[in-house]
N, C-alpha and C. Protein backbone atom coordinates (compact mmCIF):
# COMPACT_ATOMS: atom_id res chain seq x y z
N MET A 1 106.49 117.24 117.67
CA MET A 1 107.39 117.91 118.72
C MET A 1 108.12 119.00 118.27
N SER A 2 108.86 119.24 117.10
CA SER A 2 109.25 120.23 116.76
C SER A 2 108.55 121.49 116.31
N TRP A 3 107.03 121.33 116.37
CA TRP A 3 106.23 122.34 116.52
C TRP A 3 106.29 122.89 117.78
N LEU A 4 106.40 122.19 118.85
CA LEU A 4 106.29 122.72 120.38
C LEU A 4 107.44 123.61 120.61
N ILE A 5 108.55 123.01 120.10
CA ILE A 5 109.92 123.75 120.16
C ILE A 5 110.09 125.07 119.14
N SER A 6 109.46 124.91 118.29
CA SER A 6 109.26 126.09 116.93
C SER A 6 108.34 127.01 117.56
N HIS A 7 107.50 126.85 118.88
CA HIS A 7 106.61 127.93 119.22
C HIS A 7 106.80 128.12 120.88
N ASN A 8 108.01 127.62 121.31
CA ASN A 8 108.74 127.78 122.42
C ASN A 8 107.71 127.39 123.61
N LEU A 9 107.03 126.33 123.56
CA LEU A 9 106.23 125.21 124.14
C LEU A 9 107.32 124.48 125.21
N VAL A 10 108.50 124.28 124.29
CA VAL A 10 109.31 123.28 125.21
C VAL A 10 110.56 124.15 125.28
N ASP A 11 111.43 124.18 126.02
CA ASP A 11 112.54 124.91 126.30
C ASP A 11 113.76 123.92 125.81
N SER A 12 114.15 124.26 124.82
CA SER A 12 115.05 123.19 124.18
C SER A 12 116.45 123.38 124.53
N THR A 13 116.68 124.76 125.28
CA THR A 13 118.31 124.59 125.98
C THR A 13 118.11 123.85 127.39
N SER A 14 117.08 123.53 127.85
CA SER A 14 117.31 122.67 129.06
C SER A 14 118.05 121.55 129.15
N GLU A 15 118.55 121.38 130.68
CA GLU A 15 119.43 119.94 130.80
C GLU A 15 118.58 118.92 130.09
N LEU A 16 117.44 118.81 130.07
CA LEU A 16 116.78 117.40 129.58
C LEU A 16 117.14 117.09 128.03
N VAL A 17 116.91 118.41 127.23
CA VAL A 17 117.44 118.24 125.75
C VAL A 17 118.60 117.97 125.96
N GLY A 18 119.44 118.94 126.43
CA GLY A 18 121.21 118.32 126.70
C GLY A 18 121.84 116.69 126.71
N ILE A 19 121.23 116.13 127.51
CA ILE A 19 121.13 114.77 127.75
C ILE A 19 121.26 113.88 126.34
N ASN A 20 120.45 113.76 125.69
CA ASN A 20 120.26 113.56 124.43
C ASN A 20 119.15 114.33 123.17
N LYS A 21 120.00 115.15 122.30
CA LYS A 21 119.31 116.06 121.55
C LYS A 21 118.14 115.08 120.49
N ASN A 22 118.58 114.01 120.55
CA ASN A 22 117.25 113.40 119.53
C ASN A 22 116.29 113.19 120.06
N PHE A 23 115.88 113.32 121.40
CA PHE A 23 114.81 113.18 122.26
C PHE A 23 113.93 113.65 121.95
N PHE A 24 114.00 114.98 121.46
CA PHE A 24 113.18 115.85 120.86
C PHE A 24 112.80 115.98 119.10
N SER A 25 113.80 115.03 118.76
CA SER A 25 113.68 115.16 117.44
C SER A 25 112.41 114.57 116.84
N PRO A 26 111.62 114.65 115.62
CA PRO A 26 110.65 113.64 115.16
C PRO A 26 110.86 112.38 114.76
N MET A 27 110.25 111.10 115.14
CA MET A 27 110.80 109.84 115.05
C MET A 27 110.23 109.63 113.44
N ALA A 28 109.13 109.53 113.09
CA ALA A 28 108.75 109.19 111.80
C ALA A 28 108.83 110.68 110.78
N ARG A 29 109.21 109.94 109.70
CA ARG A 29 109.30 111.33 108.53
C ARG A 29 108.34 110.95 107.54
N ALA A 30 107.65 111.91 107.21
CA ALA A 30 106.68 112.23 106.20
C ALA A 30 107.12 112.39 105.12
N TYR A 31 106.60 111.88 103.98
CA TYR A 31 106.53 112.64 102.50
C TYR A 31 105.29 112.58 101.95
N PHE A 32 104.98 113.64 101.39
CA PHE A 32 103.73 113.97 100.44
C PHE A 32 103.99 114.28 99.16
N ARG A 33 103.48 113.63 98.24
CA ARG A 33 103.38 113.88 96.41
C ARG A 33 101.98 114.24 96.40
N ARG A 34 101.96 115.07 95.50
CA ARG A 34 100.69 115.28 94.73
C ARG A 34 100.32 114.32 93.78
N LEU A 35 99.27 113.60 93.48
CA LEU A 35 98.75 112.94 92.28
C LEU A 35 97.47 113.84 91.73
N GLY A 36 97.96 114.27 90.51
CA GLY A 36 96.87 114.77 89.86
C GLY A 36 96.09 115.98 90.90
N ASP A 37 94.78 116.15 90.41
CA ASP A 37 94.08 117.15 91.19
C ASP A 37 93.91 117.15 92.68
N SER A 38 93.29 115.83 92.76
CA SER A 38 92.58 115.53 93.91
C SER A 38 93.09 114.53 94.72
N LYS A 39 94.41 114.15 94.56
CA LYS A 39 94.73 112.78 95.26
C LYS A 39 96.25 113.33 95.81
N VAL A 40 96.47 112.56 96.94
CA VAL A 40 97.77 112.80 97.60
C VAL A 40 98.49 111.34 98.03
N SER A 41 99.60 111.26 97.53
CA SER A 41 100.29 110.03 98.16
C SER A 41 101.29 110.39 99.67
N VAL A 42 100.83 109.67 100.59
CA VAL A 42 101.67 109.85 101.62
C VAL A 42 102.55 108.33 102.30
N ASN A 43 103.48 108.87 102.51
CA ASN A 43 104.63 108.02 102.84
C ASN A 43 105.24 108.13 104.28
N VAL A 44 105.20 107.63 105.22
CA VAL A 44 105.68 107.73 106.40
C VAL A 44 106.54 106.80 106.67
N PHE A 45 107.80 107.32 107.08
CA PHE A 45 108.90 106.03 107.26
C PHE A 45 109.33 106.11 108.73
N LEU A 46 109.74 104.75 109.30
CA LEU A 46 110.15 104.73 110.56
C LEU A 46 111.55 104.75 110.37
N PRO A 47 112.53 104.70 111.56
CA PRO A 47 113.89 105.01 111.26
C PRO A 47 114.59 103.58 111.35
N ASP A 48 115.64 103.45 110.85
CA ASP A 48 116.25 102.23 110.69
C ASP A 48 116.49 101.54 112.09
N ILE A 49 117.08 102.30 112.83
CA ILE A 49 117.29 101.97 114.23
C ILE A 49 116.64 102.90 115.62
N ILE A 50 116.31 102.72 116.27
CA ILE A 50 115.73 103.46 117.52
C ILE A 50 116.70 103.46 118.63
N PHE A 51 117.41 102.40 119.04
CA PHE A 51 117.94 102.35 120.34
C PHE A 51 119.40 101.83 120.14
N GLU A 52 120.49 102.24 120.25
CA GLU A 52 121.78 101.44 120.03
C GLU A 52 122.65 101.36 121.51
N THR A 53 123.55 100.35 121.55
CA THR A 53 123.69 100.03 122.96
C THR A 53 125.58 100.41 122.57
N ASP A 54 126.06 100.73 123.87
CA ASP A 54 127.39 101.02 123.53
C ASP A 54 128.22 99.61 123.85
N SER A 55 129.48 100.12 123.85
CA SER A 55 130.15 99.04 124.60
C SER A 55 129.89 98.46 126.15
N HIS A 56 129.68 98.99 126.62
CA HIS A 56 129.20 98.81 128.20
C HIS A 56 127.91 98.41 128.26
N GLY A 57 126.99 98.22 127.18
CA GLY A 57 125.69 97.58 127.45
C GLY A 57 124.30 98.96 127.69
N ASN A 58 125.10 99.93 127.80
CA ASN A 58 124.20 101.13 127.87
C ASN A 58 123.07 101.44 127.03
N LYS A 59 121.89 101.35 126.77
CA LYS A 59 121.30 101.70 125.73
C LYS A 59 120.72 103.08 125.60
N LYS A 60 120.67 103.75 124.72
CA LYS A 60 120.51 104.89 124.15
C LYS A 60 119.95 105.28 122.92
N LEU A 61 119.11 106.61 122.89
CA LEU A 61 118.66 106.79 121.56
C LEU A 61 119.43 107.31 120.60
N ALA A 62 119.19 106.36 119.43
CA ALA A 62 119.92 106.46 118.27
C ALA A 62 120.04 107.53 117.54
N LYS A 63 120.84 108.16 116.71
CA LYS A 63 120.77 109.18 115.38
C LYS A 63 119.92 108.54 114.49
N PHE A 64 118.65 109.07 114.25
CA PHE A 64 117.75 108.54 113.24
C PHE A 64 118.08 108.74 111.64
N THR A 65 118.24 107.64 111.08
CA THR A 65 118.16 107.56 109.52
C THR A 65 117.37 106.74 109.01
N TYR A 66 117.01 106.70 107.79
CA TYR A 66 115.93 106.13 107.19
C TYR A 66 116.36 105.63 105.77
N ILE A 67 117.57 104.73 105.96
CA ILE A 67 118.17 104.43 104.55
C ILE A 67 117.40 103.44 104.02
N LYS A 68 116.96 102.38 105.09
CA LYS A 68 116.00 101.37 104.90
C LYS A 68 114.62 101.79 104.29
N LYS A 69 114.16 102.74 104.44
CA LYS A 69 112.68 103.18 104.12
C LYS A 69 111.47 102.41 104.78
N TRP A 70 111.72 102.24 105.98
CA TRP A 70 110.68 101.32 106.53
C TRP A 70 109.30 101.70 106.39
N ASN A 71 108.48 101.90 105.62
CA ASN A 71 107.17 102.32 105.16
C ASN A 71 106.18 101.87 106.19
N LEU A 72 105.72 102.65 107.06
CA LEU A 72 104.87 102.46 108.20
C LEU A 72 103.63 101.97 107.87
N LEU A 73 103.29 102.88 106.76
CA LEU A 73 101.65 102.38 106.13
C LEU A 73 101.55 100.76 105.90
N SER A 74 102.66 100.26 104.50
CA SER A 74 102.57 99.40 104.17
C SER A 74 102.71 98.28 104.85
N MET A 75 103.52 98.41 106.10
CA MET A 75 103.80 97.30 107.01
C MET A 75 102.74 97.35 107.84
N ALA A 76 102.01 98.14 108.06
CA ALA A 76 100.48 98.21 108.94
C ALA A 76 99.72 97.24 108.23
N PHE A 77 99.95 97.53 106.92
CA PHE A 77 98.57 96.53 105.83
C PHE A 77 98.92 95.35 105.96
N ARG A 78 100.37 94.98 105.58
CA ARG A 78 100.74 93.73 105.52
C ARG A 78 100.43 92.77 107.02
N PHE A 79 100.52 93.65 107.94
CA PHE A 79 100.69 92.92 109.43
C PHE A 79 99.18 92.60 109.51
N THR A 80 98.27 93.65 108.59
CA THR A 80 96.59 93.27 109.26
C THR A 80 96.24 92.20 108.19
N LEU A 81 96.75 92.15 106.71
CA LEU A 81 96.57 91.40 105.94
C LEU A 81 96.62 89.75 106.49
N MET A 82 97.79 89.65 107.23
CA MET A 82 98.53 88.26 107.93
C MET A 82 97.78 87.95 108.87
N VAL A 83 97.26 89.18 109.91
CA VAL A 83 96.38 88.66 111.14
C VAL A 83 94.82 88.16 110.69
N SER A 84 94.61 88.73 109.55
CA SER A 84 92.93 88.50 109.08
C SER A 84 92.92 87.11 108.31
N THR A 85 94.14 86.99 107.60
CA THR A 85 94.17 85.72 107.20
C THR A 85 94.48 84.45 108.27
N ALA A 86 95.03 84.48 109.14
CA ALA A 86 95.28 83.56 110.24
C ALA A 86 93.72 83.30 110.95
N LEU A 87 93.08 84.81 110.96
CA LEU A 87 91.71 84.63 111.76
C LEU A 87 90.79 83.39 111.18
N ILE A 88 90.80 83.68 109.63
CA ILE A 88 89.97 83.54 108.57
C ILE A 88 90.26 81.88 108.43
N LYS A 89 91.69 81.51 108.46
CA LYS A 89 91.96 80.07 108.30
C LYS A 89 91.45 79.33 109.49
N SER A 90 91.79 80.27 110.91
CA SER A 90 91.26 79.19 112.02
C SER A 90 89.98 79.14 112.14
N LEU A 91 88.94 80.09 112.02
CA LEU A 91 87.49 80.08 112.22
C LEU A 91 87.01 79.13 111.14
N GLU A 92 87.56 78.85 109.62
CA GLU A 92 86.99 77.92 108.68
C GLU A 92 87.45 76.35 109.18
N MET A 93 88.76 75.91 109.91
CA MET A 93 89.28 74.93 110.53
C MET A 93 88.34 74.78 111.67
N LEU A 94 87.58 75.49 112.61
CA LEU A 94 86.50 75.27 113.37
C LEU A 94 85.40 75.11 112.69
N ARG A 95 84.78 75.68 111.79
CA ARG A 95 83.42 75.30 111.09
C ARG A 95 83.50 73.99 110.51
N ASP A 96 84.73 73.88 109.57
CA ASP A 96 84.86 72.31 109.05
C ASP A 96 84.62 71.28 109.75
N LYS A 97 84.89 70.89 111.16
CA LYS A 97 84.92 70.03 111.78
C LYS A 97 83.50 69.76 113.05
N ASP A 98 83.25 68.49 112.51
CA ASP A 98 82.01 68.37 113.13
C ASP A 98 82.53 68.12 115.10
N LYS A 99 83.39 67.82 115.54
CA LYS A 99 84.01 67.99 116.44
C LYS A 99 85.04 68.02 116.76
N ALA A 100 85.60 68.50 118.21
CA ALA A 100 86.94 69.26 118.28
C ALA A 100 88.23 68.13 118.31
N VAL A 101 88.97 68.73 117.61
CA VAL A 101 90.13 67.85 117.59
C VAL A 101 91.24 68.55 118.26
N PHE A 102 91.97 67.66 119.37
CA PHE A 102 93.08 67.91 120.07
C PHE A 102 94.36 67.51 119.82
N SER A 103 95.42 67.98 119.84
CA SER A 103 96.58 67.33 119.68
C SER A 103 97.59 67.56 120.95
N TYR A 104 98.28 66.31 121.14
CA TYR A 104 99.04 66.24 122.10
C TYR A 104 100.28 65.62 122.34
N LYS A 105 101.13 65.71 123.27
CA LYS A 105 102.03 64.86 123.37
C LYS A 105 102.27 64.57 124.61
N ARG A 106 102.18 63.40 125.03
CA ARG A 106 102.08 62.49 126.50
C ARG A 106 103.51 62.67 126.78
N LYS A 107 103.81 62.90 128.38
CA LYS A 107 105.06 63.14 128.50
C LYS A 107 105.78 61.62 129.17
N LYS A 108 106.45 61.44 128.59
CA LYS A 108 107.23 60.01 129.01
C LYS A 108 107.52 60.05 130.41
N GLU A 109 107.32 58.96 131.06
CA GLU A 109 107.62 59.20 132.74
C GLU A 109 108.74 57.85 132.94
């Protein structure tokens, strides 16, 4: 979005931006580091908090800080690993059983 503002494709002086200045600021922050001649390390961080609630219960966009360093790429990798592991375990359980096994608890009447 900052590219749009710097190229005057978004009117940053409009009332919309005045309502909340953080609306047009970038949410994710990326850091690049060169590793040798042909490799690059990329870290994409998400903000510590996106929304905050005031004392009246109104939700508004928070000022973005990156103290906790929520790394988007490593979090996505861990999530994919967790889902893949759960799927493999489920398929192994189905493969290793000759007949379906169900577990239920009967309601007491």
